């Protein structure tokens, strides 16, 4: 799967599931089940996008150490990490309650931390590729 397809699938997943979350929450509440509600779905998806960024950053770092080239993976890791940090930060700022209330504050914090790790991994690979490019 190319990076373009992976980013497109990630964006479709975030946008598609984000719009369907209120309906899913109403079905869950109407059935009387305890499940994932709309307050938890958005930060969970943001954390998954951040985790994808961490994986892409790790793969880019491994590719750079093997071949000396990992810029596309690093840029994709930066983008996924940035999306995760922004969505997690917005959700944390707009959540009305503390931990354990079911509004996804803990998930938003996890999304921000995981996204930041993905961004740092991407930045490390980009810095190494710039440094290696200067000596050629």
C-alpha atoms as a PDB file:
ATOM      1  CA  UNK A   1       0.000   0.000   0.000  1.00  0.00           C
ATOM      2  CA  UNK A   2       1.483   3.333  -1.010  1.00  0.00           C
ATOM      3  CA  UNK A   3       1.661   6.317   1.304  1.00  0.00           C
ATOM      4  CA  UNK A   4      -0.967   8.154  -0.746  1.00  0.00           C
ATOM      5  CA  UNK A   5      -3.445   5.313  -0.313  1.00  0.00           C
ATOM      6  CA  UNK A   6      -2.673   5.011   3.397  1.00  0.00           C
ATOM      7  CA  UNK A   7      -3.233   8.725   4.002  1.00  0.00           C
ATOM      8  CA  UNK A   8      -6.437   8.681   1.951  1.00  0.00           C
ATOM      9  CA  UNK A   9      -7.757   5.678   3.885  1.00  0.00           C
ATOM     10  CA  UNK A  10      -6.869   7.318   7.194  1.00  0.00           C
ATOM     11  CA  UNK A  11      -8.612  10.558   6.233  1.00  0.00           C
ATOM     12  CA  UNK A  12     -11.686   8.651   5.048  1.00  0.00           C
ATOM     13  CA  UNK A  13     -11.793   6.682   8.277  1.00  0.00           C
ATOM     14  CA  UNK A  14     -11.544   9.789  10.438  1.00  0.00           C
ATOM     15  CA  UNK A  15     -14.080  11.786   8.437  1.00  0.00           C
ATOM     16  CA  UNK A  16     -16.476   8.891   7.901  1.00  0.00           C
ATOM     17  CA  UNK A  17     -16.535   7.630  11.472  1.00  0.00           C
ATOM     18  CA  UNK A  18     -16.574  11.142  12.925  1.00  0.00           C
ATOM     19  CA  UNK A  19     -19.828  11.934  11.150  1.00  0.00           C
ATOM     20  CA  UNK A  20     -21.514   8.679  12.121  1.00  0.00           C
ATOM     21  CA  UNK A  21     -20.645   8.905  15.807  1.00  0.00           C
ATOM     22  CA  UNK A  22     -23.824  10.619  17.131  1.00  0.00           C
ATOM     23  CA  UNK A  23     -26.043   8.011  15.476  1.00  0.00           C
ATOM     24  CA  UNK A  24     -23.917   5.214  16.886  1.00  0.00           C
ATOM     25  CA  UNK A  25     -24.171   6.750  20.341  1.00  0.00           C
ATOM     26  CA  UNK A  26     -27.962   6.987  20.103  1.00  0.00           C
ATOM     27  CA  UNK A  27     -28.241   3.347  19.064  1.00  0.00           C
ATOM     28  CA  UNK A  28     -25.966   2.329  21.912  1.00  0.00           C
ATOM     29  CA  UNK A  29     -27.962   4.322  24.471  1.00  0.00           C
ATOM     30  CA  UNK A  30     -31.321   3.181  23.094  1.00  0.00           C
ATOM     31  CA  UNK A  31     -30.320  -0.459  23.348  1.00  0.00           C
ATOM     32  CA  UNK A  32     -29.181   0.035  26.948  1.00  0.00           C
ATOM     33  CA  UNK A  33     -25.706  -1.284  26.208  1.00  0.00           C
ATOM     34  CA  UNK A  34     -22.577   0.171  27.626  1.00  0.00           C
ATOM     35  CA  UNK A  35     -20.357   0.801  24.632  1.00  0.00           C
ATOM     36  CA  UNK A  36     -18.265   3.382  22.978  1.00  0.00           C
ATOM     37  CA  UNK A  37     -20.132   6.650  22.677  1.00  0.00           C
ATOM     38  CA  UNK A  38     -19.540   9.708  20.577  1.00  0.00           C
ATOM     39  CA  UNK A  39     -17.461  11.242  23.342  1.00  0.00           C
ATOM     40  CA  UNK A  40     -14.969   8.419  23.177  1.00  0.00           C
ATOM     41  CA  UNK A  41     -15.014   7.648  19.470  1.00  0.00           C
ATOM     42  CA  UNK A  42     -13.292  10.799  18.203  1.00  0.00           C
ATOM     43  CA  UNK A  43     -10.308  10.650  20.589  1.00  0.00           C
ATOM     44  CA  UNK A  44      -9.994   6.913  19.992  1.00  0.00           C
ATOM     45  CA  UNK A  45      -9.783   7.495  16.245  1.00  0.00           C
ATOM     46  CA  UNK A  46      -7.316  10.317  16.831  1.00  0.00           C
ATOM     47  CA  UNK A  47      -5.174   7.964  18.926  1.00  0.00           C
ATOM     48  CA  UNK A  48      -5.317   5.348  16.156  1.00  0.00           C
ATOM     49  CA  UNK A  49      -4.189   7.965  13.603  1.00  0.00           C
ATOM     50  CA  UNK A  50      -1.374   8.908  15.995  1.00  0.00           C
ATOM     51  CA  UNK A  51      -0.417   5.265  16.340  1.00  0.00           C
ATOM     52  CA  UNK A  52      -0.290   4.992  12.557  1.00  0.00           C
ATOM     53  CA  UNK A  53       2.044   7.995  12.636  1.00  0.00           C
ATOM     54  CA  UNK A  54       4.293   6.279  15.170  1.00  0.00           C
ATOM     55  CA  UNK A  55       4.434   3.135  13.026  1.00  0.00           C
ATOM     56  CA  UNK A  56       5.180   5.166   9.895  1.00  0.00           C
ATOM     57  CA  UNK A  57       7.892   7.088  11.749  1.00  0.00           C
ATOM     58  CA  UNK A  58       9.462   3.873  12.991  1.00  0.00           C
ATOM     59  CA  UNK A  59       9.375   2.338   9.524  1.00  0.00           C
ATOM     60  CA  UNK A  60      10.858   5.508   8.030  1.00  0.00           C
ATOM     61  CA  UNK A  61      13.634   5.436  10.609  1.00  0.00           C
ATOM     62  CA  UNK A  62      14.363   1.784   9.824  1.00  0.00           C
ATOM     63  CA  UNK A  63      14.298   2.490   6.078  1.00  0.00           C
ATOM     64  CA  UNK A  64      16.626   5.452   6.507  1.00  0.00           C
ATOM     65  CA  UNK A  65      19.143   3.402   8.451  1.00  0.00           C
ATOM     66  CA  UNK A  66      19.031   0.685   5.736  1.00  0.00           C
ATOM     67  CA  UNK A  67      18.883   2.712   2.530  1.00  0.00           C
ATOM     68  CA  UNK A  68      19.482   6.318   3.515  1.00  0.00           C
ATOM     69  CA  UNK A  69      16.035   7.358   2.266  1.00  0.00           C
ATOM     70  CA  UNK A  70      12.886   7.668   4.357  1.00  0.00           C
ATOM     71  CA  UNK A  71      11.553  11.151   3.660  1.00  0.00           C
ATOM     72  CA  UNK A  72       8.090  10.149   2.426  1.00  0.00           C
ATOM     73  CA  UNK A  73       7.428   7.983   5.473  1.00  0.00           C
ATOM     74  CA  UNK A  74       8.736  10.720   7.748  1.00  0.00           C
ATOM     75  CA  UNK A  75       6.444  13.298   6.155  1.00  0.00           C
ATOM     76  CA  UNK A  76       3.484  10.927   6.466  1.00  0.00           C
ATOM     77  CA  UNK A  77       4.365  10.336  10.144  1.00  0.00           C
ATOM     78  CA  UNK A  78       4.535  14.089  10.697  1.00  0.00           C
ATOM     79  CA  UNK A  79       1.126  14.586   9.058  1.00  0.00           C
ATOM     80  CA  UNK A  80      -0.576  11.759  10.986  1.00  0.00           C
ATOM     81  CA  UNK A  81       0.969  12.943  14.251  1.00  0.00           C
ATOM     82  CA  UNK A  82      -0.119  16.510  13.616  1.00  0.00           C
ATOM     83  CA  UNK A  83      -3.700  15.423  12.874  1.00  0.00           C
ATOM     84  CA  UNK A  84      -3.742  13.360  16.065  1.00  0.00           C
ATOM     85  CA  UNK A  85      -2.388  16.195  18.208  1.00  0.00           C
ATOM     86  CA  UNK A  86      -4.818  18.758  16.779  1.00  0.00           C
ATOM     87  CA  UNK A  87      -7.920  16.536  17.037  1.00  0.00           C
ATOM     88  CA  UNK A  88      -6.936  15.343  20.528  1.00  0.00           C
ATOM     89  CA  UNK A  89      -6.240  18.903  21.669  1.00  0.00           C
ATOM     90  CA  UNK A  90      -9.531  20.217  20.333  1.00  0.00           C
ATOM     91  CA  UNK A  91     -11.439  17.376  21.976  1.00  0.00           C
ATOM     92  CA  UNK A  92      -9.629  17.868  25.286  1.00  0.00           C
ATOM     93  CA  UNK A  93     -10.357  21.598  25.204  1.00  0.00           C
ATOM     94  CA  UNK A  94     -14.057  21.027  24.496  1.00  0.00           C
ATOM     95  CA  UNK A  95     -14.695  18.111  26.858  1.00  0.00           C
ATOM     96  CA  UNK A  96     -16.940  19.037  29.752  1.00  0.00           C
ATOM     97  CA  UNK A  97     -15.799  16.917  32.641  1.00  0.00           C
ATOM     98  CA  UNK A  98     -12.926  15.030  34.117  1.00  0.00           C
ATOM     99  CA  UNK A  99     -11.601  11.524  33.859  1.00  0.00           C
ATOM    100  CA  UNK A 100     -14.161   8.763  34.130  1.00  0.00           C
ATOM    101  CA  UNK A 101     -17.112  10.803  32.887  1.00  0.00           C
ATOM    102  CA  UNK A 102     -17.185   9.065  29.515  1.00  0.00           C
ATOM    103  CA  UNK A 103     -16.469  12.111  27.402  1.00  0.00           C
ATOM    104  CA  UNK A 104     -13.069  10.931  26.152  1.00  0.00           C
ATOM    105  CA  UNK A 105     -10.711  13.277  27.969  1.00  0.00           C
ATOM    106  CA  UNK A 106      -8.220  10.488  28.710  1.00  0.00           C
ATOM    107  CA  UNK A 107      -8.377   9.315  25.094  1.00  0.00           C
ATOM    108  CA  UNK A 108      -7.737  12.855  23.889  1.00  0.00           C
ATOM    109  CA  UNK A 109      -4.648  13.091  26.076  1.00  0.00           C
ATOM    110  CA  UNK A 110      -3.423   9.720  24.823  1.00  0.00           C
ATOM    111  CA  UNK A 111      -4.020  10.887  21.230  1.00  0.00           C
ATOM    112  CA  UNK A 112      -1.951  14.009  21.835  1.00  0.00           C
ATOM    113  CA  UNK A 113       0.939  12.061  23.389  1.00  0.00           C
ATOM    114  CA  UNK A 114       0.972   9.369  20.694  1.00  0.00           C
ATOM    115  CA  UNK A 115       0.692  12.001  17.958  1.00  0.00           C
ATOM    116  CA  UNK A 116       3.587  13.926  19.455  1.00  0.00           C
ATOM    117  CA  UNK A 117       5.712  10.772  19.460  1.00  0.00           C
ATOM    118  CA  UNK A 118       4.894  10.242  15.775  1.00  0.00           C
ATOM    119  CA  UNK A 119       5.837  13.834  14.998  1.00  0.00           C
ATOM    120  CA  UNK A 120       9.152  13.498  16.857  1.00  0.00           C
ATOM    121  CA  UNK A 121      10.028  10.287  14.992  1.00  0.00           C
ATOM    122  CA  UNK A 122       9.225  11.941  11.670  1.00  0.00           C
ATOM    123  CA  UNK A 123      11.286  15.004  12.591  1.00  0.00           C
ATOM    124  CA  UNK A 124      14.259  12.827  13.545  1.00  0.00           C
ATOM    125  CA  UNK A 125      14.217  11.079  10.176  1.00  0.00           C
ATOM    126  CA  UNK A 126      13.859  14.386   8.320  1.00  0.00           C
ATOM    127  CA  UNK A 127      16.750  15.908  10.285  1.00  0.00           C
ATOM    128  CA  UNK A 128      18.948  12.887   9.557  1.00  0.00           C
ATOM    129  CA  UNK A 129      18.070  12.972   5.877  1.00  0.00           C
ATOM    130  CA  UNK A 130      18.932  16.672   5.652  1.00  0.00           C
ATOM    131  CA  UNK A 131      22.234  16.075   7.414  1.00  0.00           C
ATOM    132  CA  UNK A 132      23.059  13.099   5.168  1.00  0.00           C
ATOM    133  CA  UNK A 133      22.091  15.102   2.068  1.00  0.00           C
ATOM    134  CA  UNK A 134      24.527  17.875   2.999  1.00  0.00           C
ATOM    135  CA  UNK A 135      27.518  15.536   2.790  1.00  0.00           C
ATOM    136  CA  UNK A 136      26.758  14.136  -0.658  1.00  0.00           C
END
